[in-house]
Amino acid sequence: MIETHTTIEITTPYHGEEELQQTSIKRMTCNYCNGTGEILHIDDNMDREFIICPCCGGTRFVDAEITVKFKPSQYVLMKSKI
């Protein structure tokens, strides 16, 4: 199986920039239906039918929207007693 990986580099905001950064990745193949847009459903009577994928809505692709919010760290530096 071939997998495609997308890497997003996150950098801290510069002085005066917003604390929120947003990005999106378009047209990723839906993993729920493996890019077919349909799911095979077998009911109690062993009848087979294809239903529209609930994740991609039958389009075969999904979009990822990523939001990163920056906030001050809770880590506190201890002052030396020298």
PDB file of N, CA and C in Angstrom:
ATOM      1  N   MET A   1       0.838  -1.184   0.000  1.00  0.00           N
ATOM      2  CA  MET A   1       0.000   0.000   0.000  1.00  0.00           C
ATOM      3  C   MET A   1       0.881   1.245   0.000  1.00  0.00           C
ATOM      4  N   ILE A   2       0.553   2.176  -0.819  1.00  0.00           N
ATOM      5  CA  ILE A   2       1.300   3.420  -0.911  1.00  0.00           C
ATOM      6  C   ILE A   2       0.609   4.475  -0.050  1.00  0.00           C
ATOM      7  N   GLU A   3       1.388   5.133   0.789  1.00  0.00           N
ATOM      8  CA  GLU A   3       0.844   6.197   1.632  1.00  0.00           C
ATOM      9  C   GLU A   3       1.532   7.508   1.300  1.00  0.00           C
ATOM     10  N   THR A   4       0.755   8.574   1.280  1.00  0.00           N
ATOM     11  CA  THR A   4       1.294   9.904   1.053  1.00  0.00           C
ATOM     12  C   THR A   4       1.274  10.650   2.380  1.00  0.00           C
ATOM     13  N   HIS A   5       2.401  11.222   2.731  1.00  0.00           N
ATOM     14  CA  HIS A   5       2.498  11.971   3.983  1.00  0.00           C
ATOM     15  C   HIS A   5       2.710  13.444   3.671  1.00  0.00           C
ATOM     16  N   THR A   6       2.039  14.286   4.423  1.00  0.00           N
ATOM     17  CA  THR A   6       2.191  15.726   4.295  1.00  0.00           C
ATOM     18  C   THR A   6       2.759  16.252   5.603  1.00  0.00           C
ATOM     19  N   THR A   7       3.801  17.049   5.518  1.00  0.00           N
ATOM     20  CA  THR A   7       4.437  17.602   6.702  1.00  0.00           C
ATOM     21  C   THR A   7       4.134  19.092   6.784  1.00  0.00           C
ATOM     22  N   ILE A   8       3.779  19.532   7.974  1.00  0.00           N
ATOM     23  CA  ILE A   8       3.515  20.945   8.211  1.00  0.00           C
ATOM     24  C   ILE A   8       4.539  21.433   9.220  1.00  0.00           C
ATOM     25  N   GLU A   9       5.252  22.491   8.877  1.00  0.00           N
ATOM     26  CA  GLU A   9       6.238  23.061   9.801  1.00  0.00           C
ATOM     27  C   GLU A   9       5.566  24.183  10.579  1.00  0.00           C
ATOM     28  N   ILE A  10       5.635  24.089  11.903  1.00  0.00           N
ATOM     29  CA  ILE A  10       5.027  25.098  12.773  1.00  0.00           C
ATOM     30  C   ILE A  10       6.140  25.938  13.380  1.00  0.00           C
ATOM     31  N   THR A  11       6.047  27.243  13.190  1.00  0.00           N
ATOM     32  CA  THR A  11       7.016  28.158  13.787  1.00  0.00           C
ATOM     33  C   THR A  11       6.270  29.148  14.674  1.00  0.00           C
ATOM     34  N   THR A  12       6.940  29.612  15.703  1.00  0.00           N
ATOM     35  CA  THR A  12       6.300  30.562  16.613  1.00  0.00           C
ATOM     36  C   THR A  12       6.078  31.893  15.902  1.00  0.00           C
ATOM     37  N   PRO A  13       5.049  32.631  16.307  1.00  0.00           N
ATOM     38  CA  PRO A  13       4.769  33.896  15.642  1.00  0.00           C
ATOM     39  C   PRO A  13       5.826  34.951  15.958  1.00  0.00           C
ATOM     40  N   TYR A  14       6.050  35.841  15.000  1.00  0.00           N
ATOM     41  CA  TYR A  14       6.957  36.960  15.213  1.00  0.00           C
ATOM     42  C   TYR A  14       6.240  38.038  15.996  1.00  0.00           C
ATOM     43  N   HIS A  15       6.985  38.996  16.495  1.00  0.00           N
ATOM     44  CA  HIS A  15       6.425  40.088  17.280  1.00  0.00           C
ATOM     45  C   HIS A  15       5.332  40.800  16.480  1.00  0.00           C
ATOM     46  N   GLY A  16       4.175  40.906  17.062  1.00  0.00           N
ATOM     47  CA  GLY A  16       3.080  41.634  16.437  1.00  0.00           C
ATOM     48  C   GLY A  16       2.188  40.779  15.552  1.00  0.00           C
ATOM     49  N   GLU A  17       2.549  39.525  15.314  1.00  0.00           N
ATOM     50  CA  GLU A  17       1.703  38.669  14.496  1.00  0.00           C
ATOM     51  C   GLU A  17       0.603  38.054  15.345  1.00  0.00           C
ATOM     52  N   GLU A  18      -0.374  37.488  14.668  1.00  0.00           N
ATOM     53  CA  GLU A  18      -1.487  36.854  15.358  1.00  0.00           C
ATOM     54  C   GLU A  18      -1.022  35.612  16.111  1.00  0.00           C
ATOM     55  N   GLU A  19      -1.754  35.268  17.190  1.00  0.00           N
ATOM     56  CA  GLU A  19      -1.433  34.085  17.963  1.00  0.00           C
ATOM     57  C   GLU A  19      -2.026  32.828  17.349  1.00  0.00           C
ATOM     58  N   LEU A  20      -2.845  32.981  16.314  1.00  0.00           N
ATOM     59  CA  LEU A  20      -3.462  31.854  15.647  1.00  0.00           C
ATOM     60  C   LEU A  20      -2.894  31.707  14.246  1.00  0.00           C
ATOM     61  N   GLN A  21      -2.550  30.490  13.885  1.00  0.00           N
ATOM     62  CA  GLN A  21      -2.111  30.210  12.522  1.00  0.00           C
ATOM     63  C   GLN A  21      -3.025  29.136  11.960  1.00  0.00           C
ATOM     64  N   GLN A  22      -3.464  29.320  10.716  1.00  0.00           N
ATOM     65  CA  GLN A  22      -4.359  28.365  10.088  1.00  0.00           C
ATOM     66  C   GLN A  22      -3.810  27.966   8.730  1.00  0.00           C
ATOM     67  N   THR A  23      -4.043  26.714   8.378  1.00  0.00           N
ATOM     68  CA  THR A  23      -3.676  26.229   7.064  1.00  0.00           C
ATOM     69  C   THR A  23      -4.643  25.118   6.684  1.00  0.00           C
ATOM     70  N   SER A  24      -4.670  24.770   5.432  1.00  0.00           N
ATOM     71  CA  SER A  24      -5.530  23.672   5.000  1.00  0.00           C
ATOM     72  C   SER A  24      -4.813  22.850   3.937  1.00  0.00           C
ATOM     73  N   ILE A  25      -5.158  21.585   3.904  1.00  0.00           N
ATOM     74  CA  ILE A  25      -4.635  20.669   2.908  1.00  0.00           C
ATOM     75  C   ILE A  25      -5.836  20.154   2.131  1.00  0.00           C
ATOM     76  N   LYS A  26      -5.842  20.347   0.839  1.00  0.00           N
ATOM     77  CA  LYS A  26      -6.989  20.005   0.003  1.00  0.00           C
ATOM     78  C   LYS A  26      -6.790  18.659  -0.691  1.00  0.00           C
ATOM     79  N   ARG A  27      -7.907  18.021  -0.969  1.00  0.00           N
ATOM     80  CA  ARG A  27      -7.987  16.798  -1.772  1.00  0.00           C
ATOM     81  C   ARG A  27      -7.105  15.654  -1.277  1.00  0.00           C
ATOM     82  N   MET A  28      -7.257  15.320  -0.009  1.00  0.00           N
ATOM     83  CA  MET A  28      -6.594  14.127   0.519  1.00  0.00           C
ATOM     84  C   MET A  28      -7.528  12.942   0.276  1.00  0.00           C
ATOM     85  N   THR A  29      -6.993  11.806  -0.144  1.00  0.00           N
ATOM     86  CA  THR A  29      -7.809  10.627  -0.396  1.00  0.00           C
ATOM     87  C   THR A  29      -8.463  10.164   0.901  1.00  0.00           C
ATOM     88  N   CYS A  30      -9.748   9.902   0.844  1.00  0.00           N
ATOM     89  CA  CYS A  30     -10.500   9.464   2.023  1.00  0.00           C
ATOM     90  C   CYS A  30     -10.040   8.067   2.426  1.00  0.00           C
ATOM     91  N   ASN A  31      -9.607   7.908   3.672  1.00  0.00           N
ATOM     92  CA  ASN A  31      -9.163   6.611   4.168  1.00  0.00           C
ATOM     93  C   ASN A  31     -10.319   5.714   4.564  1.00  0.00           C
ATOM     94  N   TYR A  32     -11.484   6.278   4.836  1.00  0.00           N
ATOM     95  CA  TYR A  32     -12.637   5.479   5.269  1.00  0.00           C
ATOM     96  C   TYR A  32     -13.130   4.584   4.138  1.00  0.00           C
ATOM     97  N   CYS A  33     -13.189   5.133   2.933  1.00  0.00           N
ATOM     98  CA  CYS A  33     -13.666   4.355   1.775  1.00  0.00           C
ATOM     99  C   CYS A  33     -12.541   4.011   0.811  1.00  0.00           C
ATOM    100  N   ASN A  34     -11.305   4.346   1.186  1.00  0.00           N
ATOM    101  CA  ASN A  34     -10.127   4.124   0.328  1.00  0.00           C
ATOM    102  C   ASN A  34     -10.248   4.823  -1.023  1.00  0.00           C
ATOM    103  N   GLY A  35     -10.906   5.957  -1.038  1.00  0.00           N
ATOM    104  CA  GLY A  35     -10.995   6.757  -2.248  1.00  0.00           C
ATOM    105  C   GLY A  35     -12.008   6.269  -3.268  1.00  0.00           C
ATOM    106  N   THR A  36     -12.924   5.399  -2.860  1.00  0.00           N
ATOM    107  CA  THR A  36     -13.945   4.926  -3.799  1.00  0.00           C
ATOM    108  C   THR A  36     -15.222   5.745  -3.721  1.00  0.00           C
ATOM    109  N   GLY A  37     -15.468   6.390  -2.595  1.00  0.00           N
ATOM    110  CA  GLY A  37     -16.681   7.183  -2.417  1.00  0.00           C
ATOM    111  C   GLY A  37     -17.858   6.358  -1.941  1.00  0.00           C
ATOM    112  N   GLU A  38     -17.670   5.041  -1.829  1.00  0.00           N
ATOM    113  CA  GLU A  38     -18.754   4.148  -1.424  1.00  0.00           C
ATOM    114  C   GLU A  38     -18.250   3.130  -0.405  1.00  0.00           C
ATOM    115  N   ILE A  39     -19.185   2.627   0.401  1.00  0.00           N
ATOM    116  CA  ILE A  39     -18.903   1.592   1.386  1.00  0.00           C
ATOM    117  C   ILE A  39     -19.825   0.414   1.099  1.00  0.00           C
ATOM    118  N   LEU A  40     -19.273  -0.794   1.101  1.00  0.00           N
ATOM    119  CA  LEU A  40     -20.097  -1.991   0.918  1.00  0.00           C
ATOM    120  C   LEU A  40     -20.797  -2.303   2.228  1.00  0.00           C
ATOM    121  N   HIS A  41     -22.121  -2.382   2.185  1.00  0.00           N
ATOM    122  CA  HIS A  41     -22.919  -2.681   3.369  1.00  0.00           C
ATOM    123  C   HIS A  41     -23.629  -4.008   3.136  1.00  0.00           C
ATOM    124  N   ILE A  42     -23.485  -4.944   4.078  1.00  0.00           N
ATOM    125  CA  ILE A  42     -24.177  -6.225   4.008  1.00  0.00           C
ATOM    126  C   ILE A  42     -25.139  -6.283   5.189  1.00  0.00           C
ATOM    127  N   ASP A  43     -26.446  -6.428   4.889  1.00  0.00           N
ATOM    128  CA  ASP A  43     -27.435  -6.434   5.972  1.00  0.00           C
ATOM    129  C   ASP A  43     -27.643  -7.860   6.501  1.00  0.00           C
ATOM    130  N   ASP A  44     -28.622  -8.022   7.399  1.00  0.00           N
ATOM    131  CA  ASP A  44     -28.874  -9.312   8.047  1.00  0.00           C
ATOM    132  C   ASP A  44     -29.275 -10.404   7.055  1.00  0.00           C
ATOM    133  N   ASN A  45     -29.905 -10.037   5.946  1.00  0.00           N
ATOM    134  CA  ASN A  45     -30.335 -11.009   4.936  1.00  0.00           C
ATOM    135  C   ASN A  45     -29.231 -11.299   3.928  1.00  0.00           C
ATOM    136  N   MET A  46     -28.015 -10.837   4.231  1.00  0.00           N
ATOM    137  CA  MET A  46     -26.858 -11.004   3.349  1.00  0.00           C
ATOM    138  C   MET A  46     -27.022 -10.284   2.008  1.00  0.00           C
ATOM    139  N   ASP A  47     -27.906  -9.299   1.981  1.00  0.00           N
ATOM    140  CA  ASP A  47     -28.047  -8.460   0.792  1.00  0.00           C
ATOM    141  C   ASP A  47     -26.906  -7.458   0.787  1.00  0.00           C
ATOM    142  N   ARG A  48     -26.290  -7.275  -0.361  1.00  0.00           N
ATOM    143  CA  ARG A  48     -25.163  -6.348  -0.479  1.00  0.00           C
ATOM    144  C   ARG A  48     -25.622  -5.092  -1.187  1.00  0.00           C
ATOM    145  N   GLU A  49     -25.224  -3.970  -0.626  1.00  0.00           N
ATOM    146  CA  GLU A  49     -25.504  -2.698  -1.293  1.00  0.00           C
ATOM    147  C   GLU A  49     -24.372  -1.726  -0.984  1.00  0.00           C
ATOM    148  N   PHE A  50     -24.135  -0.839  -1.905  1.00  0.00           N
ATOM    149  CA  PHE A  50     -23.129   0.194  -1.710  1.00  0.00           C
ATOM    150  C   PHE A  50     -23.834   1.453  -1.225  1.00  0.00           C
ATOM    151  N   ILE A  51     -23.292   2.031  -0.141  1.00  0.00           N
ATOM    152  CA  ILE A  51     -23.841   3.286   0.376  1.00  0.00           C
ATOM    153  C   ILE A  51     -22.772   4.365   0.240  1.00  0.00           C
ATOM    154  N   ILE A  52     -23.206   5.606   0.188  1.00  0.00           N
ATOM    155  CA  ILE A  52     -22.287   6.735   0.068  1.00  0.00           C
ATOM    156  C   ILE A  52     -21.458   6.851   1.340  1.00  0.00           C
ATOM    157  N   CYS A  53     -20.175   7.080   1.182  1.00  0.00           N
ATOM    158  CA  CYS A  53     -19.258   7.197   2.314  1.00  0.00           C
ATOM    159  C   CYS A  53     -19.676   8.368   3.206  1.00  0.00           C
ATOM    160  N   PRO A  54     -19.813   8.133   4.530  1.00  0.00           N
ATOM    161  CA  PRO A  54     -20.224   9.218   5.427  1.00  0.00           C
ATOM    162  C   PRO A  54     -19.125  10.251   5.674  1.00  0.00           C
ATOM    163  N   CYS A  55     -17.863   9.900   5.403  1.00  0.00           N
ATOM    164  CA  CYS A  55     -16.766  10.841   5.652  1.00  0.00           C
ATOM    165  C   CYS A  55     -16.567  11.820   4.502  1.00  0.00           C
ATOM    166  N   CYS A  56     -16.540  11.315   3.268  1.00  0.00           N
ATOM    167  CA  CYS A  56     -16.268  12.191   2.127  1.00  0.00           C
ATOM    168  C   CYS A  56     -17.535  12.556   1.352  1.00  0.00           C
ATOM    169  N   GLY A  57     -18.669  11.962   1.720  1.00  0.00           N
ATOM    170  CA  GLY A  57     -19.920  12.278   1.041  1.00  0.00           C
ATOM    171  C   GLY A  57     -19.953  11.805  -0.404  1.00  0.00           C
ATOM    172  N   GLY A  58     -19.113  10.820  -0.739  1.00  0.00           N
ATOM    173  CA  GLY A  58     -19.077  10.287  -2.094  1.00  0.00           C
ATOM    174  C   GLY A  58     -18.117  11.000  -3.024  1.00  0.00           C
ATOM    175  N   THR A  59     -17.418  12.014  -2.533  1.00  0.00           N
ATOM    176  CA  THR A  59     -16.504  12.781  -3.392  1.00  0.00           C
ATOM    177  C   THR A  59     -15.141  12.110  -3.540  1.00  0.00           C
ATOM    178  N   ARG A  60     -14.836  11.116  -2.692  1.00  0.00           N
ATOM    179  CA  ARG A  60     -13.580  10.366  -2.677  1.00  0.00           C
ATOM    180  C   ARG A  60     -12.439  11.115  -2.005  1.00  0.00           C
ATOM    181  N   PHE A  61     -12.624  12.387  -1.695  1.00  0.00           N
ATOM    182  CA  PHE A  61     -11.560  13.192  -1.109  1.00  0.00           C
ATOM    183  C   PHE A  61     -12.071  13.957   0.111  1.00  0.00           C
ATOM    184  N   VAL A  62     -11.145  14.284   1.017  1.00  0.00           N
ATOM    185  CA  VAL A  62     -11.460  15.115   2.177  1.00  0.00           C
ATOM    186  C   VAL A  62     -10.438  16.248   2.257  1.00  0.00           C
ATOM    187  N   ASP A  63     -10.818  17.335   2.914  1.00  0.00           N
ATOM    188  CA  ASP A  63      -9.920  18.466   3.146  1.00  0.00           C
ATOM    189  C   ASP A  63      -9.594  18.531   4.634  1.00  0.00           C
ATOM    190  N   ALA A  64      -8.352  18.836   4.954  1.00  0.00           N
ATOM    191  CA  ALA A  64      -7.937  18.985   6.357  1.00  0.00           C
ATOM    192  C   ALA A  64      -7.743  20.465   6.651  1.00  0.00           C
ATOM    193  N   GLU A  65      -8.371  20.945   7.715  1.00  0.00           N
ATOM    194  CA  GLU A  65      -8.195  22.326   8.154  1.00  0.00           C
ATOM    195  C   GLU A  65      -7.523  22.284   9.517  1.00  0.00           C
ATOM    196  N   ILE A  66      -6.362  22.921   9.610  1.00  0.00           N
ATOM    197  CA  ILE A  66      -5.551  22.854  10.816  1.00  0.00           C
ATOM    198  C   ILE A  66      -5.394  24.249  11.402  1.00  0.00           C
ATOM    199  N   THR A  67      -5.655  24.382  12.712  1.00  0.00           N
ATOM    200  CA  THR A  67      -5.501  25.651  13.414  1.00  0.00           C
ATOM    201  C   THR A  67      -4.571  25.438  14.605  1.00  0.00           C
ATOM    202  N   VAL A  68      -3.577  26.311  14.728  1.00  0.00           N
ATOM    203  CA  VAL A  68      -2.639  26.260  15.847  1.00  0.00           C
ATOM    204  C   VAL A  68      -2.783  27.552  16.628  1.00  0.00           C
ATOM    205  N   LYS A  69      -3.002  27.431  17.939  1.00  0.00           N
ATOM    206  CA  LYS A  69      -3.109  28.604  18.809  1.00  0.00           C
ATOM    207  C   LYS A  69      -1.905  28.606  19.741  1.00  0.00           C
ATOM    208  N   PHE A  70      -1.218  29.727  19.791  1.00  0.00           N
ATOM    209  CA  PHE A  70      -0.060  29.868  20.660  1.00  0.00           C
ATOM    210  C   PHE A  70      -0.480  30.548  21.954  1.00  0.00           C
ATOM    211  N   LYS A  71       0.081  30.065  23.077  1.00  0.00           N
ATOM    212  CA  LYS A  71      -0.179  30.676  24.379  1.00  0.00           C
ATOM    213  C   LYS A  71       1.102  30.618  25.188  1.00  0.00           C
ATOM    214  N   PRO A  72       1.221  31.464  26.218  1.00  0.00           N
ATOM    215  CA  PRO A  72       2.434  31.447  27.039  1.00  0.00           C
ATOM    216  C   PRO A  72       2.623  30.085  27.706  1.00  0.00           C
ATOM    217  N   SER A  73       3.857  29.686  27.845  1.00  0.00           N
ATOM    218  CA  SER A  73       4.185  28.403  28.455  1.00  0.00           C
ATOM    219  C   SER A  73       3.923  28.465  29.955  1.00  0.00           C
ATOM    220  N   GLN A  74       3.574  27.337  30.537  1.00  0.00           N
ATOM    221  CA  GLN A  74       3.345  27.242  31.969  1.00  0.00           C
ATOM    222  C   GLN A  74       4.639  26.927  32.716  1.00  0.00           C
ATOM    223  N   TYR A  75       5.703  26.700  31.969  1.00  0.00           N
ATOM    224  CA  TYR A  75       7.011  26.385  32.558  1.00  0.00           C
ATOM    225  C   TYR A  75       7.577  27.647  33.192  1.00  0.00           C
ATOM    226  N   VAL A  76       8.008  27.568  34.447  1.00  0.00           N
ATOM    227  CA  VAL A  76       8.523  28.717  35.174  1.00  0.00           C
ATOM    228  C   VAL A  76      10.016  28.489  35.441  1.00  0.00           C
ATOM    229  N   LEU A  77      10.833  29.460  35.079  1.00  0.00           N
ATOM    230  CA  LEU A  77      12.259  29.381  35.358  1.00  0.00           C
ATOM    231  C   LEU A  77      12.510  29.747  36.819  1.00  0.00           C
ATOM    232  N   MET A  78      13.325  28.975  37.476  1.00  0.00           N
ATOM    233  CA  MET A  78      13.655  29.242  38.879  1.00  0.00           C
ATOM    234  C   MET A  78      14.859  30.204  38.907  1.00  0.00           C
ATOM    235  N   LYS A  79      14.770  31.233  39.739  1.00  0.00           N
ATOM    236  CA  LYS A  79      15.891  32.168  39.878  1.00  0.00           C
ATOM    237  C   LYS A  79      16.950  31.544  40.780  1.00  0.00           C
ATOM    238  N   SER A  80      18.198  31.762  40.424  1.00  0.00           N
ATOM    239  CA  SER A  80      19.289  31.229  41.238  1.00  0.00           C
ATOM    240  C   SER A  80      19.414  32.037  42.537  1.00  0.00           C
ATOM    241  N   LYS A  81      19.905  31.415  43.584  1.00  0.00           N
ATOM    242  CA  LYS A  81      20.025  32.056  44.895  1.00  0.00           C
ATOM    243  C   LYS A  81      21.442  32.544  45.150  1.00  0.00           C
ATOM    244  N   ILE A  82      22.168  32.852  44.096  1.00  0.00           N
ATOM    245  CA  ILE A  82      23.566  33.312  44.254  1.00  0.00           C
ATOM    246  C   ILE A  82      23.577  34.789  44.515  1.00  0.00           C
TER     247      ILE A  82
END
